[in-house]
């Protein structure tokens, strides 16, 4: 915790319809564990591994 992370994402509905994307807005950076921009993000990012 406390690491700075930069993420970009795109979400789609089950049928492939785009829902939300940061691809047009660019990535964003925040400090892990300091209150993620939306619910569940800290846990999801903290559990990721390289590879």
PDB file of N, CA and C in Angstrom:
ATOM      1  N   UNK A   1       0.836  -1.174   0.000  1.00  0.00           N
ATOM      2  CA  UNK A   1       0.000   0.000   0.000  1.00  0.00           C
ATOM      3  C   UNK A   1       0.886   1.244   0.000  1.00  0.00           C
ATOM      4  N   UNK A   2       0.331   2.315  -0.550  1.00  0.00           N
ATOM      5  CA  UNK A   2       1.072   3.556  -0.616  1.00  0.00           C
ATOM      6  C   UNK A   2       1.795   3.752  -1.932  1.00  0.00           C
ATOM      7  N   UNK A   3       1.859   2.693  -2.759  1.00  0.00           N
ATOM      8  CA  UNK A   3       2.485   2.826  -4.072  1.00  0.00           C
ATOM      9  C   UNK A   3       1.607   3.671  -4.972  1.00  0.00           C
ATOM     10  N   UNK A   4       2.228   4.396  -5.872  1.00  0.00           N
ATOM     11  CA  UNK A   4       1.496   5.155  -6.875  1.00  0.00           C
ATOM     12  C   UNK A   4       1.231   4.243  -8.064  1.00  0.00           C
ATOM     13  N   UNK A   5      -0.011   4.162  -8.493  1.00  0.00           N
ATOM     14  CA  UNK A   5      -0.369   3.308  -9.625  1.00  0.00           C
ATOM     15  C   UNK A   5      -1.031   4.146 -10.709  1.00  0.00           C
ATOM     16  N   UNK A   6      -0.811   3.743 -11.954  1.00  0.00           N
ATOM     17  CA  UNK A   6      -1.441   4.385 -13.098  1.00  0.00           C
ATOM     18  C   UNK A   6      -2.224   3.325 -13.850  1.00  0.00           C
ATOM     19  N   UNK A   7      -3.506   3.592 -14.083  1.00  0.00           N
ATOM     20  CA  UNK A   7      -4.337   2.610 -14.774  1.00  0.00           C
ATOM     21  C   UNK A   7      -5.137   3.255 -15.900  1.00  0.00           C
ATOM     22  N   UNK A   8      -5.505   2.425 -16.822  1.00  0.00           N
ATOM     23  CA  UNK A   8      -6.425   2.769 -17.896  1.00  0.00           C
ATOM     24  C   UNK A   8      -7.332   1.566 -18.072  1.00  0.00           C
ATOM     25  N   UNK A   9      -8.576   1.777 -18.395  1.00  0.00           N
ATOM     26  CA  UNK A   9      -9.487   0.652 -18.517  1.00  0.00           C
ATOM     27  C   UNK A   9     -10.606   0.951 -19.509  1.00  0.00           C
ATOM     28  N   UNK A  10     -11.283  -0.080 -19.912  1.00  0.00           N
ATOM     29  CA  UNK A  10     -12.495   0.022 -20.719  1.00  0.00           C
ATOM     30  C   UNK A  10     -13.454  -1.046 -20.214  1.00  0.00           C
ATOM     31  N   UNK A  11     -14.724  -0.700 -20.083  1.00  0.00           N
ATOM     32  CA  UNK A  11     -15.728  -1.676 -19.668  1.00  0.00           C
ATOM     33  C   UNK A  11     -16.765  -1.821 -20.778  1.00  0.00           C
ATOM     34  N   UNK A  12     -17.293  -3.035 -20.891  1.00  0.00           N
ATOM     35  CA  UNK A  12     -18.329  -3.311 -21.886  1.00  0.00           C
ATOM     36  C   UNK A  12     -19.434  -4.144 -21.255  1.00  0.00           C
ATOM     37  N   UNK A  13     -20.602  -4.086 -21.869  1.00  0.00           N
ATOM     38  CA  UNK A  13     -21.702  -4.949 -21.463  1.00  0.00           C
ATOM     39  C   UNK A  13     -21.445  -6.348 -22.006  1.00  0.00           C
ATOM     40  N   UNK A  14     -22.204  -7.322 -21.558  1.00  0.00           N
ATOM     41  CA  UNK A  14     -22.015  -8.707 -21.990  1.00  0.00           C
ATOM     42  C   UNK A  14     -22.098  -8.865 -23.508  1.00  0.00           C
ATOM     43  N   UNK A  15     -22.881  -8.012 -24.162  1.00  0.00           N
ATOM     44  CA  UNK A  15     -23.008  -8.101 -25.622  1.00  0.00           C
ATOM     45  C   UNK A  15     -21.924  -7.340 -26.379  1.00  0.00           C
ATOM     46  N   UNK A  16     -20.965  -6.757 -25.627  1.00  0.00           N
ATOM     47  CA  UNK A  16     -19.856  -6.045 -26.250  1.00  0.00           C
ATOM     48  C   UNK A  16     -20.065  -4.555 -26.421  1.00  0.00           C
ATOM     49  N   UNK A  17     -21.230  -4.049 -26.056  1.00  0.00           N
ATOM     50  CA  UNK A  17     -21.506  -2.619 -26.153  1.00  0.00           C
ATOM     51  C   UNK A  17     -20.611  -1.866 -25.172  1.00  0.00           C
ATOM     52  N   UNK A  18     -19.869  -0.858 -25.650  1.00  0.00           N
ATOM     53  CA  UNK A  18     -19.011  -0.077 -24.748  1.00  0.00           C
ATOM     54  C   UNK A  18     -19.840   0.628 -23.672  1.00  0.00           C
ATOM     55  N   UNK A  19     -19.335   0.592 -22.452  1.00  0.00           N
ATOM     56  CA  UNK A  19     -20.023   1.229 -21.340  1.00  0.00           C
ATOM     57  C   UNK A  19     -19.251   2.454 -20.870  1.00  0.00           C
ATOM     58  N   UNK A  20     -17.985   2.272 -20.602  1.00  0.00           N
ATOM     59  CA  UNK A  20     -17.145   3.363 -20.118  1.00  0.00           C
ATOM     60  C   UNK A  20     -15.711   3.075 -20.523  1.00  0.00           C
ATOM     61  N   UNK A  21     -14.964   4.136 -20.815  1.00  0.00           N
ATOM     62  CA  UNK A  21     -13.578   3.937 -21.221  1.00  0.00           C
ATOM     63  C   UNK A  21     -12.727   5.136 -20.848  1.00  0.00           C
ATOM     64  N   UNK A  22     -11.513   4.867 -20.400  1.00  0.00           N
ATOM     65  CA  UNK A  22     -10.545   5.938 -20.168  1.00  0.00           C
ATOM     66  C   UNK A  22      -9.613   6.084 -21.361  1.00  0.00           C
ATOM     67  N   UNK A  23      -9.776   5.259 -22.367  1.00  0.00           N
ATOM     68  CA  UNK A  23      -8.879   5.302 -23.513  1.00  0.00           C
ATOM     69  C   UNK A  23      -8.909   6.669 -24.175  1.00  0.00           C
ATOM     70  N   UNK A  24     -10.064   7.310 -24.279  1.00  0.00           N
ATOM     71  CA  UNK A  24     -10.147   8.628 -24.890  1.00  0.00           C
ATOM     72  C   UNK A  24      -9.714   9.734 -23.932  1.00  0.00           C
ATOM     73  N   UNK A  25      -9.803   9.479 -22.618  1.00  0.00           N
ATOM     74  CA  UNK A  25      -9.441  10.473 -21.604  1.00  0.00           C
ATOM     75  C   UNK A  25      -7.993  10.336 -21.149  1.00  0.00           C
ATOM     76  N   UNK A  26      -7.415   9.174 -21.359  1.00  0.00           N
ATOM     77  CA  UNK A  26      -6.059   8.912 -20.875  1.00  0.00           C
ATOM     78  C   UNK A  26      -6.090   8.216 -19.530  1.00  0.00           C
ATOM     79  N   UNK A  27      -4.977   7.680 -19.131  1.00  0.00           N
ATOM     80  CA  UNK A  27      -4.852   6.955 -17.863  1.00  0.00           C
ATOM     81  C   UNK A  27      -4.912   7.941 -16.690  1.00  0.00           C
ATOM     82  N   UNK A  28      -5.178   7.400 -15.504  1.00  0.00           N
ATOM     83  CA  UNK A  28      -5.108   8.237 -14.315  1.00  0.00           C
ATOM     84  C   UNK A  28      -4.222   7.577 -13.274  1.00  0.00           C
ATOM     85  N   UNK A  29      -3.669   8.397 -12.397  1.00  0.00           N
ATOM     86  CA  UNK A  29      -2.734   7.946 -11.370  1.00  0.00           C
ATOM     87  C   UNK A  29      -3.315   8.274  -9.998  1.00  0.00           C
ATOM     88  N   UNK A  30      -3.160   7.338  -9.066  1.00  0.00           N
ATOM     89  CA  UNK A  30      -3.580   7.581  -7.688  1.00  0.00           C
ATOM     90  C   UNK A  30      -2.704   6.761  -6.761  1.00  0.00           C
ATOM     91  N   UNK A  31      -2.751   7.084  -5.471  1.00  0.00           N
ATOM     92  CA  UNK A  31      -1.968   6.382  -4.464  1.00  0.00           C
ATOM     93  C   UNK A  31      -2.769   5.220  -3.912  1.00  0.00           C
ATOM     94  N   UNK A  32      -2.236   4.008  -4.036  1.00  0.00           N
ATOM     95  CA  UNK A  32      -2.899   2.791  -3.587  1.00  0.00           C
ATOM     96  C   UNK A  32      -3.125   2.837  -2.082  1.00  0.00           C
ATOM     97  N   UNK A  33      -4.361   2.607  -1.663  1.00  0.00           N
ATOM     98  CA  UNK A  33      -4.699   2.593  -0.246  1.00  0.00           C
ATOM     99  C   UNK A  33      -5.123   3.933   0.309  1.00  0.00           C
ATOM    100  N   UNK A  34      -5.082   4.973  -0.506  1.00  0.00           N
ATOM    101  CA  UNK A  34      -5.436   6.309  -0.020  1.00  0.00           C
ATOM    102  C   UNK A  34      -6.876   6.680  -0.375  1.00  0.00           C
ATOM    103  N   UNK A  35      -7.667   5.705  -0.753  1.00  0.00           N
ATOM    104  CA  UNK A  35      -9.050   5.998  -1.135  1.00  0.00           C
ATOM    105  C   UNK A  35      -9.167   6.041  -2.640  1.00  0.00           C
ATOM    106  N   UNK A  36      -9.437   4.910  -3.221  1.00  0.00           N
ATOM    107  CA  UNK A  36      -9.519   4.792  -4.674  1.00  0.00           C
ATOM    108  C   UNK A  36     -10.656   5.642  -5.232  1.00  0.00           C
ATOM    109  N   UNK A  37     -10.548   6.018  -6.492  1.00  0.00           N
ATOM    110  CA  UNK A  37     -11.593   6.816  -7.123  1.00  0.00           C
ATOM    111  C   UNK A  37     -12.958   6.124  -7.163  1.00  0.00           C
ATOM    112  N   UNK A  38     -12.987   4.793  -7.131  1.00  0.00           N
ATOM    113  CA  UNK A  38     -14.259   4.096  -7.049  1.00  0.00           C
ATOM    114  C   UNK A  38     -14.107   2.793  -6.277  1.00  0.00           C
ATOM    115  N   UNK A  39     -15.223   2.340  -5.751  1.00  0.00           N
ATOM    116  CA  UNK A  39     -15.282   1.188  -4.840  1.00  0.00           C
ATOM    117  C   UNK A  39     -14.643  -0.069  -5.442  1.00  0.00           C
ATOM    118  N   UNK A  40     -13.824  -0.732  -4.666  1.00  0.00           N
ATOM    119  CA  UNK A  40     -13.226  -2.001  -5.080  1.00  0.00           C
ATOM    120  C   UNK A  40     -11.928  -1.877  -5.852  1.00  0.00           C
ATOM    121  N   UNK A  41     -11.575  -0.681  -6.283  1.00  0.00           N
ATOM    122  CA  UNK A  41     -10.379  -0.521  -7.106  1.00  0.00           C
ATOM    123  C   UNK A  41      -9.106  -0.843  -6.328  1.00  0.00           C
ATOM    124  N   UNK A  42      -8.982  -0.359  -5.101  1.00  0.00           N
ATOM    125  CA  UNK A  42      -7.787  -0.647  -4.304  1.00  0.00           C
ATOM    126  C   UNK A  42      -7.552  -2.149  -4.169  1.00  0.00           C
ATOM    127  N   UNK A  43      -8.603  -2.888  -3.840  1.00  0.00           N
ATOM    128  CA  UNK A  43      -8.464  -4.329  -3.654  1.00  0.00           C
ATOM    129  C   UNK A  43      -8.080  -5.017  -4.963  1.00  0.00           C
ATOM    130  N   UNK A  44      -8.716  -4.607  -6.048  1.00  0.00           N
ATOM    131  CA  UNK A  44      -8.431  -5.223  -7.347  1.00  0.00           C
ATOM    132  C   UNK A  44      -6.991  -4.964  -7.785  1.00  0.00           C
ATOM    133  N   UNK A  45      -6.549  -3.733  -7.690  1.00  0.00           N
ATOM    134  CA  UNK A  45      -5.189  -3.387  -8.133  1.00  0.00           C
ATOM    135  C   UNK A  45      -4.155  -4.029  -7.213  1.00  0.00           C
ATOM    136  N   UNK A  46      -4.402  -4.022  -5.909  1.00  0.00           N
ATOM    137  CA  UNK A  46      -3.440  -4.591  -4.955  1.00  0.00           C
ATOM    138  C   UNK A  46      -3.261  -6.093  -5.175  1.00  0.00           C
ATOM    139  N   UNK A  47      -4.273  -6.770  -5.705  1.00  0.00           N
ATOM    140  CA  UNK A  47      -4.175  -8.214  -5.904  1.00  0.00           C
ATOM    141  C   UNK A  47      -3.552  -8.585  -7.245  1.00  0.00           C
ATOM    142  N   UNK A  48      -3.295  -7.613  -8.111  1.00  0.00           N
ATOM    143  CA  UNK A  48      -2.706  -7.898  -9.432  1.00  0.00           C
ATOM    144  C   UNK A  48      -1.230  -8.244  -9.309  1.00  0.00           C
ATOM    145  N   UNK A  49      -0.766  -9.047 -10.237  1.00  0.00           N
ATOM    146  CA  UNK A  49       0.648  -9.436 -10.302  1.00  0.00           C
ATOM    147  C   UNK A  49       1.158  -9.229 -11.711  1.00  0.00           C
ATOM    148  N   UNK A  50       2.450  -9.007 -11.838  1.00  0.00           N
ATOM    149  CA  UNK A  50       3.057  -8.877 -13.170  1.00  0.00           C
ATOM    150  C   UNK A  50       2.962 -10.184 -13.915  1.00  0.00           C
ATOM    151  N   UNK A  51       2.811 -10.073 -15.208  1.00  0.00           N
ATOM    152  CA  UNK A  51       2.838 -11.275 -16.027  1.00  0.00           C
ATOM    153  C   UNK A  51       1.620 -11.644 -16.640  1.00  0.00           C
TER     154      UNK A  51
END
